Full PDB file with SEQRES, HELIX, SHEET, SSBOND, CRYST1, ORIGX, SCALE, CONECT and MASTER records, all heavy atoms in Angstrom:
SEQRES   1 A   38  LEU GLY VAL GLN LEU TYR ASP LEU ASP ARG MET ASP LEU          
SEQRES   2 A   38  THR ALA ASP THR SER LEU ASN MET PRO LEU GLN ASN GLU          
SEQRES   3 A   38  ILE SER ARG TYR LEU GLN GLN LEU ALA ASP PRO THR              
HELIX    1 AA1 LEU A    5  ASP A    9  1                                   5    
HELIX    2 AA2 MET A   21  GLN A   33  1                                  13    
CRYST1    1.000    1.000    1.000  90.00  90.00  90.00 P 1           1          
ORIGX1      1.000000  0.000000  0.000000        0.00000                         
ORIGX2      0.000000  1.000000  0.000000        0.00000                         
ORIGX3      0.000000  0.000000  1.000000        0.00000                         
SCALE1      1.000000  0.000000  0.000000        0.00000                         
SCALE2      0.000000  1.000000  0.000000        0.00000                         
SCALE3      0.000000  0.000000  1.000000        0.00000                         
ATOM      1  N   LEU A   1     -24.492-173.843 -23.973  1.00  0.00           N  
ATOM      2  CA  LEU A   1     -24.764-175.225 -24.386  1.00  0.00           C  
ATOM      3  C   LEU A   1     -26.174-175.403 -24.928  1.00  0.00           C  
ATOM      4  O   LEU A   1     -26.489-176.450 -25.499  1.00  0.00           O  
ATOM      5  CB  LEU A   1     -24.546-176.177 -23.203  1.00  0.00           C  
ATOM      6  CG  LEU A   1     -23.126-176.222 -22.626  1.00  0.00           C  
ATOM      7  CD1 LEU A   1     -23.049-177.226 -21.490  1.00  0.00           C  
ATOM      8  CD2 LEU A   1     -22.104-176.566 -23.706  1.00  0.00           C  
ATOM      9  N   GLY A   2     -27.042-174.407 -24.718  1.00  0.00           N  
ATOM     10  CA  GLY A   2     -28.404-174.497 -25.219  1.00  0.00           C  
ATOM     11  C   GLY A   2     -29.277-175.466 -24.451  1.00  0.00           C  
ATOM     12  O   GLY A   2     -30.128-176.143 -25.042  1.00  0.00           O  
ATOM     13  N   VAL A   3     -29.089-175.544 -23.116  1.00  0.00           N  
ATOM     14  CA  VAL A   3     -29.897-176.445 -22.284  1.00  0.00           C  
ATOM     15  C   VAL A   3     -30.436-175.679 -21.082  1.00  0.00           C  
ATOM     16  O   VAL A   3     -29.898-174.638 -20.707  1.00  0.00           O  
ATOM     17  CB  VAL A   3     -29.071-177.662 -21.794  1.00  0.00           C  
ATOM     18  CG1 VAL A   3     -28.600-178.495 -22.967  1.00  0.00           C  
ATOM     19  CG2 VAL A   3     -27.882-177.212 -20.952  1.00  0.00           C  
ATOM     20  N   GLN A   4     -31.495-176.205 -20.480  1.00  0.00           N  
ATOM     21  CA  GLN A   4     -32.071-175.584 -19.295  1.00  0.00           C  
ATOM     22  C   GLN A   4     -31.237-175.924 -18.062  1.00  0.00           C  
ATOM     23  O   GLN A   4     -30.485-176.904 -18.044  1.00  0.00           O  
ATOM     24  CB  GLN A   4     -33.514-176.061 -19.097  1.00  0.00           C  
ATOM     25  CG  GLN A   4     -34.448-175.676 -20.244  1.00  0.00           C  
ATOM     26  CD  GLN A   4     -35.861-176.193 -20.020  1.00  0.00           C  
ATOM     27  OE1 GLN A   4     -36.118-176.979 -19.108  1.00  0.00           O  
ATOM     28  NE2 GLN A   4     -36.787-175.746 -20.854  1.00  0.00           N  
ATOM     29  N   LEU A   5     -31.406-175.120 -16.997  1.00  0.00           N  
ATOM     30  CA  LEU A   5     -30.619-175.322 -15.780  1.00  0.00           C  
ATOM     31  C   LEU A   5     -30.896-176.682 -15.148  1.00  0.00           C  
ATOM     32  O   LEU A   5     -29.982-177.321 -14.623  1.00  0.00           O  
ATOM     33  CB  LEU A   5     -30.914-174.198 -14.772  1.00  0.00           C  
ATOM     34  CG  LEU A   5     -30.415-172.807 -15.165  1.00  0.00           C  
ATOM     35  CD1 LEU A   5     -30.876-171.772 -14.146  1.00  0.00           C  
ATOM     36  CD2 LEU A   5     -28.896-172.789 -15.284  1.00  0.00           C  
ATOM     37  N   TYR A   6     -32.145-177.143 -15.179  1.00  0.00           N  
ATOM     38  CA  TYR A   6     -32.482-178.461 -14.629  1.00  0.00           C  
ATOM     39  C   TYR A   6     -31.676-179.543 -15.330  1.00  0.00           C  
ATOM     40  O   TYR A   6     -31.094-180.426 -14.695  1.00  0.00           O  
ATOM     41  CB  TYR A   6     -33.986-178.711 -14.781  1.00  0.00           C  
ATOM     42  CG  TYR A   6     -34.431-180.100 -14.361  1.00  0.00           C  
ATOM     43  CD1 TYR A   6     -34.840-180.354 -13.055  1.00  0.00           C  
ATOM     44  CD2 TYR A   6     -34.452-181.156 -15.278  1.00  0.00           C  
ATOM     45  CE1 TYR A   6     -35.260-181.626 -12.665  1.00  0.00           C  
ATOM     46  CE2 TYR A   6     -34.855-182.429 -14.898  1.00  0.00           C  
ATOM     47  CZ  TYR A   6     -35.263-182.649 -13.597  1.00  0.00           C  
ATOM     48  OH  TYR A   6     -35.662-183.910 -13.215  1.00  0.00           O  
ATOM     49  N   ASP A   7     -31.635-179.484 -16.657  1.00  0.00           N  
ATOM     50  CA  ASP A   7     -30.893-180.481 -17.437  1.00  0.00           C  
ATOM     51  C   ASP A   7     -29.389-180.300 -17.251  1.00  0.00           C  
ATOM     52  O   ASP A   7     -28.645-181.290 -17.188  1.00  0.00           O  
ATOM     53  CB  ASP A   7     -31.255-180.370 -18.918  1.00  0.00           C  
ATOM     54  CG  ASP A   7     -32.721-180.655 -19.172  1.00  0.00           C  
ATOM     55  OD1 ASP A   7     -33.253-181.573 -18.524  1.00  0.00           O  
ATOM     56  OD2 ASP A   7     -33.338-179.958 -20.001  1.00  0.00           O  
ATOM     57  N   LEU A   8     -28.942-179.060 -17.156  1.00  0.00           N  
ATOM     58  CA  LEU A   8     -27.514-178.786 -16.997  1.00  0.00           C  
ATOM     59  C   LEU A   8     -26.965-179.441 -15.737  1.00  0.00           C  
ATOM     60  O   LEU A   8     -25.894-180.052 -15.756  1.00  0.00           O  
ATOM     61  CB  LEU A   8     -27.287-177.271 -16.948  1.00  0.00           C  
ATOM     62  CG  LEU A   8     -25.837-176.800 -16.796  1.00  0.00           C  
ATOM     63  CD1 LEU A   8     -25.077-177.018 -18.104  1.00  0.00           C  
ATOM     64  CD2 LEU A   8     -25.792-175.323 -16.394  1.00  0.00           C  
ATOM     65  N   ASP A   9     -27.704-179.337 -14.632  1.00  0.00           N  
ATOM     66  CA  ASP A   9     -27.230-179.895 -13.362  1.00  0.00           C  
ATOM     67  C   ASP A   9     -27.070-181.398 -13.408  1.00  0.00           C  
ATOM     68  O   ASP A   9     -26.245-181.964 -12.679  1.00  0.00           O  
ATOM     69  CB  ASP A   9     -28.204-179.524 -12.231  1.00  0.00           C  
ATOM     70  CG  ASP A   9     -27.998-178.110 -11.731  1.00  0.00           C  
ATOM     71  OD1 ASP A   9     -26.894-177.577 -11.922  1.00  0.00           O  
ATOM     72  OD2 ASP A   9     -28.938-177.537 -11.144  1.00  0.00           O  
ATOM     73  N   ARG A  10     -27.828-182.086 -14.242  1.00  0.00           N  
ATOM     74  CA  ARG A  10     -27.822-183.549 -14.271  1.00  0.00           C  
ATOM     75  C   ARG A  10     -26.891-184.132 -15.335  1.00  0.00           C  
ATOM     76  O   ARG A  10     -26.828-185.351 -15.491  1.00  0.00           O  
ATOM     77  CB  ARG A  10     -29.262-184.052 -14.470  1.00  0.00           C  
ATOM     78  CG  ARG A  10     -30.090-183.910 -13.200  1.00  0.00           C  
ATOM     79  CD  ARG A  10     -31.588-183.843 -13.459  1.00  0.00           C  
ATOM     80  NE  ARG A  10     -32.327-183.762 -12.207  1.00  0.00           N  
ATOM     81  CZ  ARG A  10     -32.440-182.640 -11.483  1.00  0.00           C  
ATOM     82  NH1 ARG A  10     -31.879-181.520 -11.903  1.00  0.00           N  
ATOM     83  NH2 ARG A  10     -33.118-182.642 -10.341  1.00  0.00           N  
ATOM     84  N   MET A  11     -26.177-183.277 -16.033  1.00  0.00           N  
ATOM     85  CA  MET A  11     -25.252-183.764 -17.059  1.00  0.00           C  
ATOM     86  C   MET A  11     -23.961-184.277 -16.437  1.00  0.00           C  
ATOM     87  O   MET A  11     -23.582-183.898 -15.323  1.00  0.00           O  
ATOM     88  CB  MET A  11     -24.924-182.637 -18.042  1.00  0.00           C  
ATOM     89  CG  MET A  11     -26.046-182.319 -19.001  1.00  0.00           C  
ATOM     90  SD  MET A  11     -25.534-181.050 -20.178  1.00  0.00           S  
ATOM     91  CE  MET A  11     -26.952-181.039 -21.267  1.00  0.00           C  
ATOM     92  N   ASP A  12     -23.285-185.117 -17.191  1.00  0.00           N  
ATOM     93  CA  ASP A  12     -21.953-185.594 -16.814  1.00  0.00           C  
ATOM     94  C   ASP A  12     -20.961-184.544 -17.304  1.00  0.00           C  
ATOM     95  O   ASP A  12     -20.338-184.688 -18.342  1.00  0.00           O  
ATOM     96  CB  ASP A  12     -21.706-186.961 -17.467  1.00  0.00           C  
ATOM     97  CG  ASP A  12     -20.342-187.521 -17.126  1.00  0.00           C  
ATOM     98  OD1 ASP A  12     -19.684-186.986 -16.213  1.00  0.00           O  
ATOM     99  OD2 ASP A  12     -19.920-188.494 -17.774  1.00  0.00           O  
ATOM    100  N   LEU A  13     -20.825-183.461 -16.529  1.00  0.00           N  
ATOM    101  CA  LEU A  13     -20.161-182.270 -17.040  1.00  0.00           C  
ATOM    102  C   LEU A  13     -19.314-181.602 -15.965  1.00  0.00           C  
ATOM    103  O   LEU A  13     -19.757-181.422 -14.825  1.00  0.00           O  
ATOM    104  CB  LEU A  13     -21.226-181.283 -17.549  1.00  0.00           C  
ATOM    105  CG  LEU A  13     -20.760-179.913 -18.034  1.00  0.00           C  
ATOM    106  CD1 LEU A  13     -19.828-180.042 -19.223  1.00  0.00           C  
ATOM    107  CD2 LEU A  13     -21.965-179.056 -18.389  1.00  0.00           C  
ATOM    108  N   THR A  14     -18.102-181.232 -16.337  1.00  0.00           N  
ATOM    109  CA  THR A  14     -17.219-180.431 -15.487  1.00  0.00           C  
ATOM    110  C   THR A  14     -16.778-179.217 -16.283  1.00  0.00           C  
ATOM    111  O   THR A  14     -16.398-179.333 -17.449  1.00  0.00           O  
ATOM    112  CB  THR A  14     -15.983-181.239 -15.048  1.00  0.00           C  
ATOM    113  OG1 THR A  14     -16.413-182.380 -14.303  1.00  0.00           O  
ATOM    114  CG2 THR A  14     -15.070-180.397 -14.172  1.00  0.00           C  
ATOM    115  N   ALA A  15     -16.849-178.040 -15.668  1.00  0.00           N  
ATOM    116  CA  ALA A  15     -16.474-176.808 -16.358  1.00  0.00           C  
ATOM    117  C   ALA A  15     -15.591-175.962 -15.448  1.00  0.00           C  
ATOM    118  O   ALA A  15     -15.768-175.934 -14.231  1.00  0.00           O  
ATOM    119  CB  ALA A  15     -17.714-176.020 -16.762  1.00  0.00           C  
ATOM    120  N   ASP A  16     -14.635-175.275 -16.059  1.00  0.00           N  
ATOM    121  CA  ASP A  16     -13.743-174.361 -15.341  1.00  0.00           C  
ATOM    122  C   ASP A  16     -14.186-172.924 -15.584  1.00  0.00           C  
ATOM    123  O   ASP A  16     -14.552-172.567 -16.704  1.00  0.00           O  
ATOM    124  CB  ASP A  16     -12.298-174.527 -15.823  1.00  0.00           C  
ATOM    125  CG  ASP A  16     -11.766-175.933 -15.569  1.00  0.00           C  
ATOM    126  OD1 ASP A  16     -12.193-176.545 -14.578  1.00  0.00           O  
ATOM    127  OD2 ASP A  16     -10.934-176.408 -16.371  1.00  0.00           O  
ATOM    128  N   THR A  17     -14.152-172.104 -14.540  1.00  0.00           N  
ATOM    129  CA  THR A  17     -14.500-170.696 -14.668  1.00  0.00           C  
ATOM    130  C   THR A  17     -13.285-169.846 -14.297  1.00  0.00           C  
ATOM    131  O   THR A  17     -12.309-170.334 -13.723  1.00  0.00           O  
ATOM    132  CB  THR A  17     -15.670-170.311 -13.745  1.00  0.00           C  
ATOM    133  OG1 THR A  17     -15.201-170.229 -12.392  1.00  0.00           O  
ATOM    134  CG2 THR A  17     -16.798-171.337 -13.830  1.00  0.00           C  
ATOM    135  N   SER A  18     -13.357-168.560 -14.615  1.00  0.00           N  
ATOM    136  CA  SER A  18     -12.269-167.642 -14.281  1.00  0.00           C  
ATOM    137  C   SER A  18     -12.465-166.985 -12.921  1.00  0.00           C  
ATOM    138  O   SER A  18     -11.629-166.192 -12.487  1.00  0.00           O  
ATOM    139  CB  SER A  18     -12.171-166.556 -15.364  1.00  0.00           C  
ATOM    140  OG  SER A  18     -13.361-165.788 -15.396  1.00  0.00           O  
ATOM    141  N   LEU A  19     -13.573-167.285 -12.238  1.00  0.00           N  
ATOM    142  CA  LEU A  19     -13.891-166.619 -10.971  1.00  0.00           C  
ATOM    143  C   LEU A  19     -12.930-167.037  -9.863  1.00  0.00           C  
ATOM    144  O   LEU A  19     -12.494-168.184  -9.797  1.00  0.00           O  
ATOM    145  CB  LEU A  19     -15.322-166.945 -10.554  1.00  0.00           C  
ATOM    146  CG  LEU A  19     -16.431-166.427 -11.476  1.00  0.00           C  
ATOM    147  CD1 LEU A  19     -17.778-166.988 -11.041  1.00  0.00           C  
ATOM    148  CD2 LEU A  19     -16.464-164.906 -11.485  1.00  0.00           C  
ATOM    149  N   ASN A  20     -12.633-166.095  -8.973  1.00  0.00           N  
ATOM    150  CA  ASN A  20     -11.880-166.367  -7.755  1.00  0.00           C  
ATOM    151  C   ASN A  20     -12.886-166.409  -6.613  1.00  0.00           C  
ATOM    152  O   ASN A  20     -13.302-165.355  -6.103  1.00  0.00           O  
ATOM    153  CB  ASN A  20     -10.829-165.275  -7.530  1.00  0.00           C  
ATOM    154  CG  ASN A  20      -9.944-165.557  -6.330  1.00  0.00           C  
ATOM    155  OD1 ASN A  20     -10.425-165.880  -5.249  1.00  0.00           O  
ATOM    156  ND2 ASN A  20      -8.644-165.422  -6.507  1.00  0.00           N  
ATOM    157  N   MET A  21     -13.312-167.595  -6.207  1.00  0.00           N  
ATOM    158  CA  MET A  21     -14.439-167.702  -5.293  1.00  0.00           C  
ATOM    159  C   MET A  21     -14.173-167.148  -3.897  1.00  0.00           C  
ATOM    160  O   MET A  21     -15.061-166.513  -3.315  1.00  0.00           O  
ATOM    161  CB  MET A  21     -14.909-169.157  -5.223  1.00  0.00           C  
ATOM    162  CG  MET A  21     -15.589-169.642  -6.484  1.00  0.00           C  
ATOM    163  SD  MET A  21     -16.870-168.509  -7.119  1.00  0.00           S  
ATOM    164  CE  MET A  21     -18.074-168.598  -5.799  1.00  0.00           C  
ATOM    165  N   PRO A  22     -12.986-167.325  -3.290  1.00  0.00           N  
ATOM    166  CA  PRO A  22     -12.772-166.689  -1.977  1.00  0.00           C  
ATOM    167  C   PRO A  22     -12.937-165.172  -2.045  1.00  0.00           C  
ATOM    168  O   PRO A  22     -13.586-164.568  -1.182  1.00  0.00           O  
ATOM    169  CB  PRO A  22     -11.339-167.097  -1.620  1.00  0.00           C  
ATOM    170  CG  PRO A  22     -11.119-168.373  -2.346  1.00  0.00           C  
ATOM    171  CD  PRO A  22     -11.853-168.209  -3.638  1.00  0.00           C  
ATOM    172  N   LEU A  23     -12.365-164.552  -3.091  1.00  0.00           N  
ATOM    173  CA  LEU A  23     -12.506-163.110  -3.246  1.00  0.00           C  
ATOM    174  C   LEU A  23     -13.950-162.735  -3.574  1.00  0.00           C  
ATOM    175  O   LEU A  23     -14.476-161.727  -3.079  1.00  0.00           O  
ATOM    176  CB  LEU A  23     -11.561-162.624  -4.351  1.00  0.00           C  
ATOM    177  CG  LEU A  23     -11.478-161.107  -4.558  1.00  0.00           C  
ATOM    178  CD1 LEU A  23     -11.040-160.416  -3.279  1.00  0.00           C  
ATOM    179  CD2 LEU A  23     -10.503-160.788  -5.695  1.00  0.00           C  
ATOM    180  N   GLN A  24     -14.606-163.546  -4.417  1.00  0.00           N  
ATOM    181  CA  GLN A  24     -16.010-163.330  -4.753  1.00  0.00           C  
ATOM    182  C   GLN A  24     -16.864-163.313  -3.485  1.00  0.00           C  
ATOM    183  O   GLN A  24     -17.694-162.413  -3.288  1.00  0.00           O  
ATOM    184  CB  GLN A  24     -16.474-164.451  -5.696  1.00  0.00           C  
ATOM    185  CG  GLN A  24     -17.968-164.555  -5.895  1.00  0.00           C  
ATOM    186  CD  GLN A  24     -18.467-163.746  -7.068  1.00  0.00           C  
ATOM    187  OE1 GLN A  24     -17.694-163.299  -7.903  1.00  0.00           O  
ATOM    188  NE2 GLN A  24     -19.759-163.540  -7.129  1.00  0.00           N  
ATOM    189  N   ASN A  25     -16.676-164.303  -2.621  1.00  0.00           N  
ATOM    190  CA  ASN A  25     -17.475-164.385  -1.398  1.00  0.00           C  
ATOM    191  C   ASN A  25     -17.155-163.246  -0.445  1.00  0.00           C  
ATOM    192  O   ASN A  25     -18.047-162.709   0.233  1.00  0.00           O  
ATOM    193  CB  ASN A  25     -17.233-165.731  -0.715  1.00  0.00           C  
ATOM    194  CG  ASN A  25     -17.730-166.898  -1.542  1.00  0.00           C  
ATOM    195  OD1 ASN A  25     -18.666-166.756  -2.331  1.00  0.00           O  
ATOM    196  ND2 ASN A  25     -17.116-168.061  -1.390  1.00  0.00           N  
ATOM    197  N   GLU A  26     -15.878-162.853  -0.370  1.00  0.00           N  
ATOM    198  CA  GLU A  26     -15.484-161.769   0.525  1.00  0.00           C  
ATOM    199  C   GLU A  26     -16.126-160.447   0.104  1.00  0.00           C  
ATOM    200  O   GLU A  26     -16.651-159.694   0.941  1.00  0.00           O  
ATOM    201  CB  GLU A  26     -13.955-161.642   0.522  1.00  0.00           C  
ATOM    202  CG  GLU A  26     -13.418-160.641   1.527  1.00  0.00           C  
ATOM    203  CD  GLU A  26     -11.902-160.596   1.533  1.00  0.00           C  
ATOM    204  OE1 GLU A  26     -11.276-161.528   0.979  1.00  0.00           O  
ATOM    205  OE2 GLU A  26     -11.341-159.632   2.086  1.00  0.00           O  
ATOM    206  N   ILE A  27     -16.108-160.156  -1.188  1.00  0.00           N  
ATOM    207  CA  ILE A  27     -16.701-158.913  -1.672  1.00  0.00           C  
ATOM    208  C   ILE A  27     -18.223-158.950  -1.551  1.00  0.00           C  
ATOM    209  O   ILE A  27     -18.860-157.936  -1.231  1.00  0.00           O  
ATOM    210  CB  ILE A  27     -16.254-158.646  -3.123  1.00  0.00           C  
ATOM    211  CG1 ILE A  27     -14.748-158.338  -3.136  1.00  0.00           C  
ATOM    212  CG2 ILE A  27     -17.043-157.505  -3.752  1.00  0.00           C  
ATOM    213  CD1 ILE A  27     -14.167-158.110  -4.504  1.00  0.00           C  
ATOM    214  N   SER A  28     -18.828-160.121  -1.773  1.00  0.00           N  
ATOM    215  CA  SER A  28     -20.283-160.249  -1.605  1.00  0.00           C  
ATOM    216  C   SER A  28     -20.681-159.932  -0.169  1.00  0.00           C  
ATOM    217  O   SER A  28     -21.669-159.213   0.080  1.00  0.00           O  
ATOM    218  CB  SER A  28     -20.738-161.662  -1.982  1.00  0.00           C  
ATOM    219  OG  SER A  28     -20.482-161.940  -3.342  1.00  0.00           O  
ATOM    220  N   ARG A  29     -19.931-160.466   0.798  1.00  0.00           N  
ATOM    221  CA  ARG A  29     -20.228-160.173   2.211  1.00  0.00           C  
ATOM    222  C   ARG A  29     -20.060-158.685   2.514  1.00  0.00           C  
ATOM    223  O   ARG A  29     -20.851-158.097   3.256  1.00  0.00           O  
ATOM    224  CB  ARG A  29     -19.319-161.010   3.117  1.00  0.00           C  
ATOM    225  CG  ARG A  29     -19.686-162.475   3.202  1.00  0.00           C  
ATOM    226  CD  ARG A  29     -18.953-163.169   4.326  1.00  0.00           C  
ATOM    227  NE  ARG A  29     -17.505-163.172   4.111  1.00  0.00           N  
ATOM    228  CZ  ARG A  29     -16.865-164.149   3.489  1.00  0.00           C  
ATOM    229  NH1 ARG A  29     -17.536-165.181   3.000  1.00  0.00           N  
ATOM    230  NH2 ARG A  29     -15.554-164.085   3.336  1.00  0.00           N  
ATOM    231  N   TYR A  30     -19.031-158.067   1.936  1.00  0.00           N  
ATOM    232  CA  TYR A  30     -18.795-156.642   2.160  1.00  0.00           C  
ATOM    233  C   TYR A  30     -19.977-155.814   1.641  1.00  0.00           C  
ATOM    234  O   TYR A  30     -20.478-154.905   2.341  1.00  0.00           O  
ATOM    235  CB  TYR A  30     -17.502-156.215   1.473  1.00  0.00           C  
ATOM    236  CG  TYR A  30     -17.159-154.758   1.680  1.00  0.00           C  
ATOM    237  CD1 TYR A  30     -16.418-154.361   2.785  1.00  0.00           C  
ATOM    238  CD2 TYR A  30     -17.586-153.780   0.773  1.00  0.00           C  
ATOM    239  CE1 TYR A  30     -16.108-153.013   2.992  1.00  0.00           C  
ATOM    240  CE2 TYR A  30     -17.288-152.446   0.965  1.00  0.00           C  
ATOM    241  CZ  TYR A  30     -16.545-152.069   2.071  1.00  0.00           C  
ATOM    242  OH  TYR A  30     -16.249-150.750   2.274  1.00  0.00           O  
ATOM    243  N   LEU A  31     -20.442-156.127   0.434  1.00  0.00           N  
ATOM    244  CA  LEU A  31     -21.567-155.373  -0.130  1.00  0.00           C  
ATOM    245  C   LEU A  31     -22.831-155.552   0.697  1.00  0.00           C  
ATOM    246  O   LEU A  31     -23.626-154.612   0.850  1.00  0.00           O  
ATOM    247  CB  LEU A  31     -21.818-155.815  -1.580  1.00  0.00           C  
ATOM    248  CG  LEU A  31     -20.698-155.527  -2.591  1.00  0.00           C  
ATOM    249  CD1 LEU A  31     -21.130-155.966  -3.981  1.00  0.00           C  
ATOM    250  CD2 LEU A  31     -20.311-154.057  -2.593  1.00  0.00           C  
ATOM    251  N   GLN A  32     -23.038-156.745   1.235  1.00  0.00           N  
ATOM    252  CA  GLN A  32     -24.211-156.982   2.075  1.00  0.00           C  
ATOM    253  C   GLN A  32     -24.113-156.227   3.392  1.00  0.00           C  
ATOM    254  O   GLN A  32     -25.128-155.769   3.944  1.00  0.00           O  
ATOM    255  CB  GLN A  32     -24.379-158.480   2.319  1.00  0.00           C  
ATOM    256  CG  GLN A  32     -24.788-159.255   1.069  1.00  0.00           C  
ATOM    257  CD  GLN A  32     -24.594-160.747   1.210  1.00  0.00           C  
ATOM    258  OE1 GLN A  32     -24.115-161.228   2.238  1.00  0.00           O  
ATOM    259  NE2 GLN A  32     -24.949-161.493   0.165  1.00  0.00           N  
ATOM    260  N   GLN A  33     -22.881-156.072   3.915  1.00  0.00           N  
ATOM    261  CA  GLN A  33     -22.697-155.335   5.160  1.00  0.00           C  
ATOM    262  C   GLN A  33     -23.072-153.865   5.018  1.00  0.00           C  
ATOM    263  O   GLN A  33     -23.426-153.207   6.005  1.00  0.00           O  
ATOM    264  CB  GLN A  33     -21.233-155.425   5.616  1.00  0.00           C  
ATOM    265  CG  GLN A  33     -20.879-156.715   6.331  1.00  0.00           C  
ATOM    266  CD  GLN A  33     -19.433-156.680   6.823  1.00  0.00           C  
ATOM    267  OE1 GLN A  33     -18.497-156.735   6.021  1.00  0.00           O  
ATOM    268  NE2 GLN A  33     -19.260-156.563   8.124  1.00  0.00           N  
ATOM    269  N   LEU A  34     -23.001-153.342   3.811  1.00  0.00           N  
ATOM    270  CA  LEU A  34     -23.288-151.917   3.610  1.00  0.00           C  
ATOM    271  C   LEU A  34     -24.735-151.568   3.914  1.00  0.00           C  
ATOM    272  O   LEU A  34     -25.070-150.388   4.054  1.00  0.00           O  
ATOM    273  CB  LEU A  34     -22.947-151.521   2.169  1.00  0.00           C  
ATOM    274  CG  LEU A  34     -21.458-151.607   1.779  1.00  0.00           C  
ATOM    275  CD1 LEU A  34     -21.264-151.260   0.315  1.00  0.00           C  
ATOM    276  CD2 LEU A  34     -20.610-150.687   2.664  1.00  0.00           C  
ATOM    277  N   ALA A  35     -25.608-152.579   4.004  1.00  0.00           N  
ATOM    278  CA  ALA A  35     -26.994-152.315   4.382  1.00  0.00           C  
ATOM    279  C   ALA A  35     -27.135-152.055   5.878  1.00  0.00           C  
ATOM    280  O   ALA A  35     -28.167-151.544   6.331  1.00  0.00           O  
ATOM    281  CB  ALA A  35     -27.879-153.500   3.974  1.00  0.00           C  
ATOM    282  N   ASP A  36     -26.124-152.384   6.660  1.00  0.00           N  
ATOM    283  CA  ASP A  36     -26.136-152.176   8.110  1.00  0.00           C  
ATOM    284  C   ASP A  36     -25.735-150.729   8.398  1.00  0.00           C  
ATOM    285  O   ASP A  36     -24.621-150.314   8.050  1.00  0.00           O  
ATOM    286  CB  ASP A  36     -25.155-153.140   8.766  1.00  0.00           C  
ATOM    287  CG  ASP A  36     -25.100-152.978  10.277  1.00  0.00           C  
ATOM    288  OD1 ASP A  36     -25.874-152.166  10.818  1.00  0.00           O  
ATOM    289  OD2 ASP A  36     -24.260-153.656  10.912  1.00  0.00           O  
ATOM    290  N   PRO A  37     -26.608-149.932   9.030  1.00  0.00           N  
ATOM    291  CA  PRO A  37     -26.278-148.516   9.293  1.00  0.00           C  
ATOM    292  C   PRO A  37     -24.979-148.330  10.073  1.00  0.00           C  
ATOM    293  O   PRO A  37     -24.220-147.393   9.800  1.00  0.00           O  
ATOM    294  CB  PRO A  37     -27.480-148.015  10.090  1.00  0.00           C  
ATOM    295  CG  PRO A  37     -28.597-148.921   9.691  1.00  0.00           C  
ATOM    296  CD  PRO A  37     -27.957-150.266   9.467  1.00  0.00           C  
ATOM    297  N   THR A  38     -24.702-149.220  11.017  1.00  0.00           N  
ATOM    298  CA  THR A  38     -23.482-149.090  11.811  1.00  0.00           C  
ATOM    299  C   THR A  38     -22.245-149.228  10.937  1.00  0.00           C  
ATOM    300  O   THR A  38     -21.300-148.433  11.014  1.00  0.00           O  
ATOM    301  CB  THR A  38     -23.452-150.151  12.928  1.00  0.00           C  
ATOM    302  OG1 THR A  38     -24.616-150.007  13.744  1.00  0.00           O  
ATOM    303  CG2 THR A  38     -22.206-149.999  13.788  1.00  0.00           C  
TER     304      THR A  38                                                      
MASTER        0    0    0    2    0    0    0    6  303    1    0    3          
END                                                                             
């Protein structure tokens, strides 16, 4: 859109993404767990 993040957040705007957020969060947690030696 050619705008800064500050301005983007304050727009009257709704957008759809292709991300699957439950799966996204699950994999993010898994990758973070890999830092634990156990």
